[in-house]
Amino acid sequence: MVNKTIAMVKQFFERGIVLKKEKKSKKLTGKEVRDSKKESKKKNLNEEKKSGTVEKKSKTSDIQPTAAVDRTTVKKLIVDSANLYQNILVLPQNFNVSSRSYSLFPSELKALDMIGHFPEINLTQLANKIGISKSAISKCTSKLLEKSLIKKEKSAVNTREVVFTLSEDGQSIFSQLGSAHTDLFKPVNEVIENLSSQEIDELQRIFSDFYSSLNEILDRREI
């Protein structure tokens, strides 16, 4: 996967150079009037080179566009990777329990996970722990109730209060949540596991810098 990523960067770079060359070539062939001027200029340059009046171009000018294209591609890969990660996180996950298949969205999984950790939790407490509104958590619990993954009953302490607990299938899914995230990102984990110690150190350094930069942006927004 690491080699594939490098190949993608190289492919973007090479494709950009090819497109630039093709564009330049089309412009030249489409203007025959300039051909004679170009040949004349080339002839004059050759004569000047022979006389020693023209200096050779610096190789630095040839390297700079390459560096610029490479950096642009890397930035795009980082942004695209972040977007892909976010898109994956909002996708529903499937769980097979008792010959049944359940498709649960992240919001439902959060509610189920919290109810599993805090049995007999009420709606207000659930909303506060997850950090969303009561109306939003009410929709989540309604979906979980429809799927028979949680149960709603009166509190033993306060009969006017309704609390939530997990059903048998809900408990089974709750026990799978620990490995669900690991399984979801198994391809990414395999890439990291196959990296050398030197690559891991370099990757950690790079992403630590990214993390610090993002925090700096947030700090500026909060001022």
C-alpha atoms as a PDB file:
ATOM      1  CA  MET A   1       0.000   0.000   0.000  1.00  0.00           C
ATOM      2  CA  VAL A   2       2.889   2.340   0.695  1.00  0.00           C
ATOM      3  CA  ASN A   3       4.289   1.609  -2.777  1.00  0.00           C
ATOM      4  CA  LYS A   4       0.832   2.172  -4.228  1.00  0.00           C
ATOM      5  CA  THR A   5       0.620   5.598  -2.586  1.00  0.00           C
ATOM      6  CA  ILE A   6       4.036   6.519  -3.927  1.00  0.00           C
ATOM      7  CA  ALA A   7       2.968   5.288  -7.361  1.00  0.00           C
ATOM      8  CA  MET A   8      -0.132   7.494  -7.174  1.00  0.00           C
ATOM      9  CA  VAL A   9       1.963  10.545  -6.364  1.00  0.00           C
ATOM     10  CA  LYS A  10       4.298   9.704  -9.244  1.00  0.00           C
ATOM     11  CA  GLN A  11       1.354   9.130 -11.575  1.00  0.00           C
ATOM     12  CA  PHE A  12      -0.219  12.489 -10.740  1.00  0.00           C
ATOM     13  CA  PHE A  13       3.133  14.176 -11.234  1.00  0.00           C
ATOM     14  CA  GLU A  14       3.911  12.479 -14.539  1.00  0.00           C
ATOM     15  CA  ARG A  15       0.404  13.111 -15.814  1.00  0.00           C
ATOM     16  CA  GLY A  16       0.707  16.801 -15.002  1.00  0.00           C
ATOM     17  CA  ILE A  17       3.979  17.067 -16.902  1.00  0.00           C
ATOM     18  CA  VAL A  18       2.546  15.223 -19.912  1.00  0.00           C
ATOM     19  CA  LEU A  19      -0.475  17.516 -20.031  1.00  0.00           C
ATOM     20  CA  LYS A  20       1.753  20.572 -19.908  1.00  0.00           C
ATOM     21  CA  LYS A  21       3.867  19.245 -22.770  1.00  0.00           C
ATOM     22  CA  GLU A  22       0.797  18.375 -24.856  1.00  0.00           C
ATOM     23  CA  LYS A  23      -0.693  21.814 -24.277  1.00  0.00           C
ATOM     24  CA  LYS A  24       2.535  23.516 -25.272  1.00  0.00           C
ATOM     25  CA  SER A  25       2.856  21.319 -28.357  1.00  0.00           C
ATOM     26  CA  LYS A  26      -0.682  22.148 -29.524  1.00  0.00           C
ATOM     27  CA  LYS A  27      -0.040  25.849 -29.217  1.00  0.00           C
ATOM     28  CA  LEU A  28       3.118  25.657 -31.334  1.00  0.00           C
ATOM     29  CA  THR A  29       1.671  23.508 -34.099  1.00  0.00           C
ATOM     30  CA  GLY A  30      -1.431  25.672 -34.284  1.00  0.00           C
ATOM     31  CA  LYS A  31       0.578  28.805 -35.151  1.00  0.00           C
ATOM     32  CA  GLU A  32       2.719  28.164 -38.191  1.00  0.00           C
ATOM     33  CA  VAL A  33       3.573  31.844 -38.502  1.00  0.00           C
ATOM     34  CA  ARG A  34       5.754  31.591 -35.410  1.00  0.00           C
ATOM     35  CA  ASP A  35       7.690  28.581 -36.694  1.00  0.00           C
ATOM     36  CA  SER A  36      10.021  30.641 -38.837  1.00  0.00           C
ATOM     37  CA  LYS A  37      10.592  33.100 -35.983  1.00  0.00           C
ATOM     38  CA  LYS A  38      11.392  30.245 -33.636  1.00  0.00           C
ATOM     39  CA  GLU A  39      13.910  28.745 -36.050  1.00  0.00           C
ATOM     40  CA  SER A  40      15.484  32.134 -36.563  1.00  0.00           C
ATOM     41  CA  LYS A  41      15.755  32.732 -32.838  1.00  0.00           C
ATOM     42  CA  LYS A  42      17.251  29.285 -32.328  1.00  0.00           C
ATOM     43  CA  LYS A  43      19.823  29.974 -35.014  1.00  0.00           C
ATOM     44  CA  ASN A  44      20.771  33.258 -33.374  1.00  0.00           C
ATOM     45  CA  LEU A  45      21.110  31.594 -29.979  1.00  0.00           C
ATOM     46  CA  ASN A  46      23.392  28.950 -31.434  1.00  0.00           C
ATOM     47  CA  GLU A  47      25.588  31.615 -32.934  1.00  0.00           C
ATOM     48  CA  GLU A  48      25.695  33.485 -29.624  1.00  0.00           C
ATOM     49  CA  LYS A  49      26.657  30.305 -27.792  1.00  0.00           C
ATOM     50  CA  LYS A  50      29.545  29.797 -30.155  1.00  0.00           C
ATOM     51  CA  SER A  51      30.747  33.315 -29.456  1.00  0.00           C
ATOM     52  CA  GLY A  52      30.363  32.731 -25.679  1.00  0.00           C
ATOM     53  CA  THR A  53      27.870  35.549 -25.129  1.00  0.00           C
ATOM     54  CA  VAL A  54      25.087  33.355 -23.762  1.00  0.00           C
ATOM     55  CA  GLU A  55      25.304  31.549 -20.405  1.00  0.00           C
ATOM     56  CA  LYS A  56      23.860  28.073 -19.845  1.00  0.00           C
ATOM     57  CA  LYS A  57      20.538  27.909 -18.020  1.00  0.00           C
ATOM     58  CA  SER A  58      20.664  26.929 -14.377  1.00  0.00           C
ATOM     59  CA  LYS A  59      19.375  23.434 -13.556  1.00  0.00           C
ATOM     60  CA  THR A  60      17.496  24.911 -10.612  1.00  0.00           C
ATOM     61  CA  SER A  61      14.803  26.276 -12.943  1.00  0.00           C
ATOM     62  CA  ASP A  62      14.142  22.736 -14.149  1.00  0.00           C
ATOM     63  CA  ILE A  63      13.792  21.374 -10.588  1.00  0.00           C
ATOM     64  CA  GLN A  64      11.440  24.002  -9.191  1.00  0.00           C
ATOM     65  CA  PRO A  65       8.337  23.034 -11.230  1.00  0.00           C
ATOM     66  CA  THR A  66       8.846  19.396 -10.214  1.00  0.00           C
ATOM     67  CA  ALA A  67       8.949  20.317  -6.524  1.00  0.00           C
ATOM     68  CA  ALA A  68       5.863  22.513  -6.910  1.00  0.00           C
ATOM     69  CA  VAL A  69       3.858  19.777  -8.622  1.00  0.00           C
ATOM     70  CA  ASP A  70       4.945  17.187  -6.068  1.00  0.00           C
ATOM     71  CA  ARG A  71       3.938  19.366  -3.116  1.00  0.00           C
ATOM     72  CA  THR A  72       0.576  20.138  -4.693  1.00  0.00           C
ATOM     73  CA  THR A  73      -0.079  16.440  -5.213  1.00  0.00           C
ATOM     74  CA  VAL A  74       0.875  15.596  -1.632  1.00  0.00           C
ATOM     75  CA  LYS A  75      -1.448  18.294  -0.297  1.00  0.00           C
ATOM     76  CA  LYS A  76      -4.284  16.939  -2.447  1.00  0.00           C
ATOM     77  CA  LEU A  77      -3.636  13.395  -1.231  1.00  0.00           C
ATOM     78  CA  ILE A  78      -3.781  14.542   2.389  1.00  0.00           C
ATOM     79  CA  VAL A  79      -7.068  16.399   1.872  1.00  0.00           C
ATOM     80  CA  ASP A  80      -8.573  13.535  -0.148  1.00  0.00           C
ATOM     81  CA  SER A  81      -7.511  11.007   2.502  1.00  0.00           C
ATOM     82  CA  ALA A  82      -9.079  13.099   5.268  1.00  0.00           C
ATOM     83  CA  ASN A  83     -12.317  13.406   3.282  1.00  0.00           C
ATOM     84  CA  LEU A  84     -12.386   9.663   2.609  1.00  0.00           C
ATOM     85  CA  TYR A  85     -11.879   8.957   6.303  1.00  0.00           C
ATOM     86  CA  GLN A  86     -14.797  11.207   7.216  1.00  0.00           C
ATOM     87  CA  ASN A  87     -16.985   9.617   4.524  1.00  0.00           C
ATOM     88  CA  ILE A  88     -16.197   6.155   5.882  1.00  0.00           C
ATOM     89  CA  LEU A  89     -17.041   7.204   9.444  1.00  0.00           C
ATOM     90  CA  VAL A  90     -20.594   8.253   8.512  1.00  0.00           C
ATOM     91  CA  LEU A  91     -21.365   5.008   6.686  1.00  0.00           C
ATOM     92  CA  PRO A  92     -23.587   2.436   8.418  1.00  0.00           C
ATOM     93  CA  GLN A  93     -21.979  -0.735   9.757  1.00  0.00           C
ATOM     94  CA  ASN A  94     -23.498  -4.174   9.424  1.00  0.00           C
ATOM     95  CA  PHE A  95     -23.774  -6.694  12.263  1.00  0.00           C
ATOM     96  CA  ASN A  96     -24.996 -10.262  12.028  1.00  0.00           C
ATOM     97  CA  VAL A  97     -26.746 -11.503  15.162  1.00  0.00           C
ATOM     98  CA  SER A  98     -28.999 -14.528  15.635  1.00  0.00           C
ATOM     99  CA  SER A  99     -29.423 -15.060  11.875  1.00  0.00           C
ATOM    100  CA  ARG A 100     -30.397 -11.412  11.493  1.00  0.00           C
ATOM    101  CA  SER A 101     -28.509  -8.561   9.892  1.00  0.00           C
ATOM    102  CA  TYR A 102     -28.537  -5.072  11.413  1.00  0.00           C
ATOM    103  CA  SER A 103     -27.359  -1.919   9.652  1.00  0.00           C
ATOM    104  CA  LEU A 104     -26.546   0.803  12.174  1.00  0.00           C
ATOM    105  CA  PHE A 105     -25.447   4.379  11.568  1.00  0.00           C
ATOM    106  CA  PRO A 106     -22.750   5.980  13.752  1.00  0.00           C
ATOM    107  CA  SER A 107     -25.315   7.944  15.780  1.00  0.00           C
ATOM    108  CA  GLU A 108     -27.201   4.720  16.576  1.00  0.00           C
ATOM    109  CA  LEU A 109     -23.977   2.937  17.483  1.00  0.00           C
ATOM    110  CA  LYS A 110     -23.016   5.749  19.860  1.00  0.00           C
ATOM    111  CA  ALA A 111     -26.387   5.547  21.603  1.00  0.00           C
ATOM    112  CA  LEU A 112     -26.249   1.749  21.823  1.00  0.00           C
ATOM    113  CA  ASP A 113     -22.685   1.866  23.122  1.00  0.00           C
ATOM    114  CA  MET A 114     -23.595   4.398  25.811  1.00  0.00           C
ATOM    115  CA  ILE A 115     -26.634   2.400  26.922  1.00  0.00           C
ATOM    116  CA  GLY A 116     -24.413  -0.669  27.115  1.00  0.00           C
ATOM    117  CA  HIS A 117     -21.967   1.144  29.388  1.00  0.00           C
ATOM    118  CA  PHE A 118     -24.704   2.781  31.479  1.00  0.00           C
ATOM    119  CA  PRO A 119     -27.726   0.460  31.807  1.00  0.00           C
ATOM    120  CA  GLU A 120     -31.001   2.103  32.878  1.00  0.00           C
ATOM    121  CA  ILE A 121     -29.910   5.501  31.588  1.00  0.00           C
ATOM    122  CA  ASN A 122     -32.648   8.021  30.824  1.00  0.00           C
ATOM    123  CA  LEU A 123     -33.029  10.207  27.716  1.00  0.00           C
ATOM    124  CA  THR A 124     -31.606  13.385  29.258  1.00  0.00           C
ATOM    125  CA  GLN A 125     -28.557  11.599  30.652  1.00  0.00           C
ATOM    126  CA  LEU A 126     -27.993   9.871  27.314  1.00  0.00           C
ATOM    127  CA  ALA A 127     -28.146  13.156  25.409  1.00  0.00           C
ATOM    128  CA  ASN A 128     -25.701  14.812  27.822  1.00  0.00           C
ATOM    129  CA  LYS A 129     -23.176  11.966  27.683  1.00  0.00           C
ATOM    130  CA  ILE A 130     -23.151  11.849  23.884  1.00  0.00           C
ATOM    131  CA  GLY A 131     -23.263  15.623  23.574  1.00  0.00           C
ATOM    132  CA  ILE A 132     -26.312  16.032  21.328  1.00  0.00           C
ATOM    133  CA  SER A 133     -29.823  17.446  21.771  1.00  0.00           C
ATOM    134  CA  LYS A 134     -32.675  15.496  23.337  1.00  0.00           C
ATOM    135  CA  SER A 135     -34.602  15.569  20.052  1.00  0.00           C
ATOM    136  CA  ALA A 136     -31.624  14.067  18.200  1.00  0.00           C
ATOM    137  CA  ILE A 137     -31.068  11.303  20.751  1.00  0.00           C
ATOM    138  CA  SER A 138     -34.805  10.624  20.781  1.00  0.00           C
ATOM    139  CA  LYS A 139     -34.628   9.810  17.057  1.00  0.00           C
ATOM    140  CA  CYS A 140     -31.692   7.458  17.667  1.00  0.00           C
ATOM    141  CA  THR A 141     -33.443   5.589  20.479  1.00  0.00           C
ATOM    142  CA  SER A 142     -36.629   5.341  18.397  1.00  0.00           C
ATOM    143  CA  LYS A 143     -34.695   3.624  15.608  1.00  0.00           C
ATOM    144  CA  LEU A 144     -33.016   1.270  18.067  1.00  0.00           C
ATOM    145  CA  LEU A 145     -36.397   0.441  19.609  1.00  0.00           C
ATOM    146  CA  GLU A 146     -37.834  -0.289  16.142  1.00  0.00           C
ATOM    147  CA  LYS A 147     -34.940  -2.688  15.534  1.00  0.00           C
ATOM    148  CA  SER A 148     -35.511  -4.285  18.972  1.00  0.00           C
ATOM    149  CA  LEU A 149     -31.915  -3.589  20.010  1.00  0.00           C
ATOM    150  CA  ILE A 150     -32.862  -1.675  23.170  1.00  0.00           C
ATOM    151  CA  LYS A 151     -35.714  -1.848  25.630  1.00  0.00           C
ATOM    152  CA  LYS A 152     -37.632   1.010  27.246  1.00  0.00           C
ATOM    153  CA  GLU A 153     -38.992   0.570  30.732  1.00  0.00           C
ATOM    154  CA  LYS A 154     -39.919   2.542  33.839  1.00  0.00           C
ATOM    155  CA  SER A 155     -37.178   3.329  36.304  1.00  0.00           C
ATOM    156  CA  ALA A 156     -37.170   1.313  39.511  1.00  0.00           C
ATOM    157  CA  VAL A 157     -36.212   4.481  41.376  1.00  0.00           C
ATOM    158  CA  ASN A 158     -38.695   6.873  39.742  1.00  0.00           C
ATOM    159  CA  THR A 159     -41.731   5.317  38.045  1.00  0.00           C
ATOM    160  CA  ARG A 160     -42.374   8.526  36.088  1.00  0.00           C
ATOM    161  CA  GLU A 161     -38.979   8.220  34.473  1.00  0.00           C
ATOM    162  CA  VAL A 162     -38.253   6.054  31.418  1.00  0.00           C
ATOM    163  CA  VAL A 163     -34.870   4.342  31.125  1.00  0.00           C
ATOM    164  CA  PHE A 164     -33.141   2.267  28.442  1.00  0.00           C
ATOM    165  CA  THR A 165     -31.407  -1.099  28.539  1.00  0.00           C
ATOM    166  CA  LEU A 166     -30.011  -3.375  25.840  1.00  0.00           C
ATOM    167  CA  SER A 167     -31.955  -6.285  24.413  1.00  0.00           C
ATOM    168  CA  GLU A 168     -30.268  -9.644  23.840  1.00  0.00           C
ATOM    169  CA  ASP A 169     -29.315  -8.761  20.244  1.00  0.00           C
ATOM    170  CA  GLY A 170     -28.317  -5.261  21.374  1.00  0.00           C
ATOM    171  CA  GLN A 171     -25.992  -6.776  23.951  1.00  0.00           C
ATOM    172  CA  SER A 172     -24.465  -9.007  21.283  1.00  0.00           C
ATOM    173  CA  ILE A 173     -23.746  -6.005  19.033  1.00  0.00           C
ATOM    174  CA  PHE A 174     -22.396  -4.067  22.017  1.00  0.00           C
ATOM    175  CA  SER A 175     -19.856  -6.829  22.621  1.00  0.00           C
ATOM    176  CA  GLN A 176     -18.702  -6.508  18.993  1.00  0.00           C
ATOM    177  CA  LEU A 177     -18.155  -2.749  19.009  1.00  0.00           C
ATOM    178  CA  GLY A 178     -14.606  -3.017  20.319  1.00  0.00           C
ATOM    179  CA  SER A 179     -13.434  -4.935  17.260  1.00  0.00           C
ATOM    180  CA  ALA A 180     -15.826  -3.301  14.756  1.00  0.00           C
ATOM    181  CA  HIS A 181     -13.715  -0.172  14.336  1.00  0.00           C
ATOM    182  CA  THR A 182     -10.515  -2.227  14.026  1.00  0.00           C
ATOM    183  CA  ASP A 183     -12.089  -4.478  11.405  1.00  0.00           C
ATOM    184  CA  LEU A 184     -13.438  -1.488   9.471  1.00  0.00           C
ATOM    185  CA  PHE A 185      -9.984   0.034   9.108  1.00  0.00           C
ATOM    186  CA  LYS A 186      -8.124  -3.259   8.733  1.00  0.00           C
ATOM    187  CA  PRO A 187      -6.549  -2.254   5.364  1.00  0.00           C
ATOM    188  CA  VAL A 188      -5.122   0.911   6.935  1.00  0.00           C
ATOM    189  CA  ASN A 189      -3.843  -1.007   9.951  1.00  0.00           C
ATOM    190  CA  GLU A 190      -2.117  -3.501   7.671  1.00  0.00           C
ATOM    191  CA  VAL A 191      -0.307  -0.682   5.881  1.00  0.00           C
ATOM    192  CA  ILE A 192       0.938   0.719   9.182  1.00  0.00           C
ATOM    193  CA  GLU A 193       2.007  -2.708  10.432  1.00  0.00           C
ATOM    194  CA  ASN A 194       4.090  -3.275   7.295  1.00  0.00           C
ATOM    195  CA  LEU A 195       6.011  -0.015   7.700  1.00  0.00           C
ATOM    196  CA  SER A 196       9.586  -0.121   8.919  1.00  0.00           C
ATOM    197  CA  SER A 197      10.584   1.499  12.211  1.00  0.00           C
ATOM    198  CA  GLN A 198      12.190   4.350  10.308  1.00  0.00           C
ATOM    199  CA  GLU A 199       9.022   4.917   8.248  1.00  0.00           C
ATOM    200  CA  ILE A 200       6.884   4.833  11.397  1.00  0.00           C
ATOM    201  CA  ASP A 201       9.099   7.445  13.058  1.00  0.00           C
ATOM    202  CA  GLU A 202       8.955   9.672   9.987  1.00  0.00           C
ATOM    203  CA  LEU A 203       5.186   9.243   9.645  1.00  0.00           C
ATOM    204  CA  GLN A 204       4.692  10.082  13.313  1.00  0.00           C
ATOM    205  CA  ARG A 205       6.833  13.194  12.968  1.00  0.00           C
ATOM    206  CA  ILE A 206       4.939  14.368   9.868  1.00  0.00           C
ATOM    207  CA  PHE A 207       1.466  13.797  11.312  1.00  0.00           C
ATOM    208  CA  SER A 208       2.477  15.341  14.627  1.00  0.00           C
ATOM    209  CA  ASP A 209       3.355  18.487  12.670  1.00  0.00           C
ATOM    210  CA  PHE A 210       0.009  18.312  10.855  1.00  0.00           C
ATOM    211  CA  TYR A 211      -1.827  17.892  14.147  1.00  0.00           C
ATOM    212  CA  SER A 212      -0.046  20.882  15.671  1.00  0.00           C
ATOM    213  CA  SER A 213      -0.821  22.984  12.589  1.00  0.00           C
ATOM    214  CA  LEU A 214      -4.520  22.102  12.724  1.00  0.00           C
ATOM    215  CA  ASN A 215      -4.657  22.941  16.423  1.00  0.00           C
ATOM    216  CA  GLU A 216      -3.009  26.265  15.656  1.00  0.00           C
ATOM    217  CA  ILE A 217      -5.751  27.016  13.107  1.00  0.00           C
ATOM    218  CA  LEU A 218      -8.445  26.188  15.685  1.00  0.00           C
ATOM    219  CA  ASP A 219      -6.749  28.372  18.298  1.00  0.00           C
ATOM    220  CA  ARG A 220      -6.759  31.318  15.884  1.00  0.00           C
ATOM    221  CA  ARG A 221     -10.469  30.843  15.193  1.00  0.00           C
ATOM    222  CA  GLU A 222     -11.279  30.833  18.917  1.00  0.00           C
ATOM    223  CA  ILE A 223      -9.474  34.097  19.612  1.00  0.00           C
END
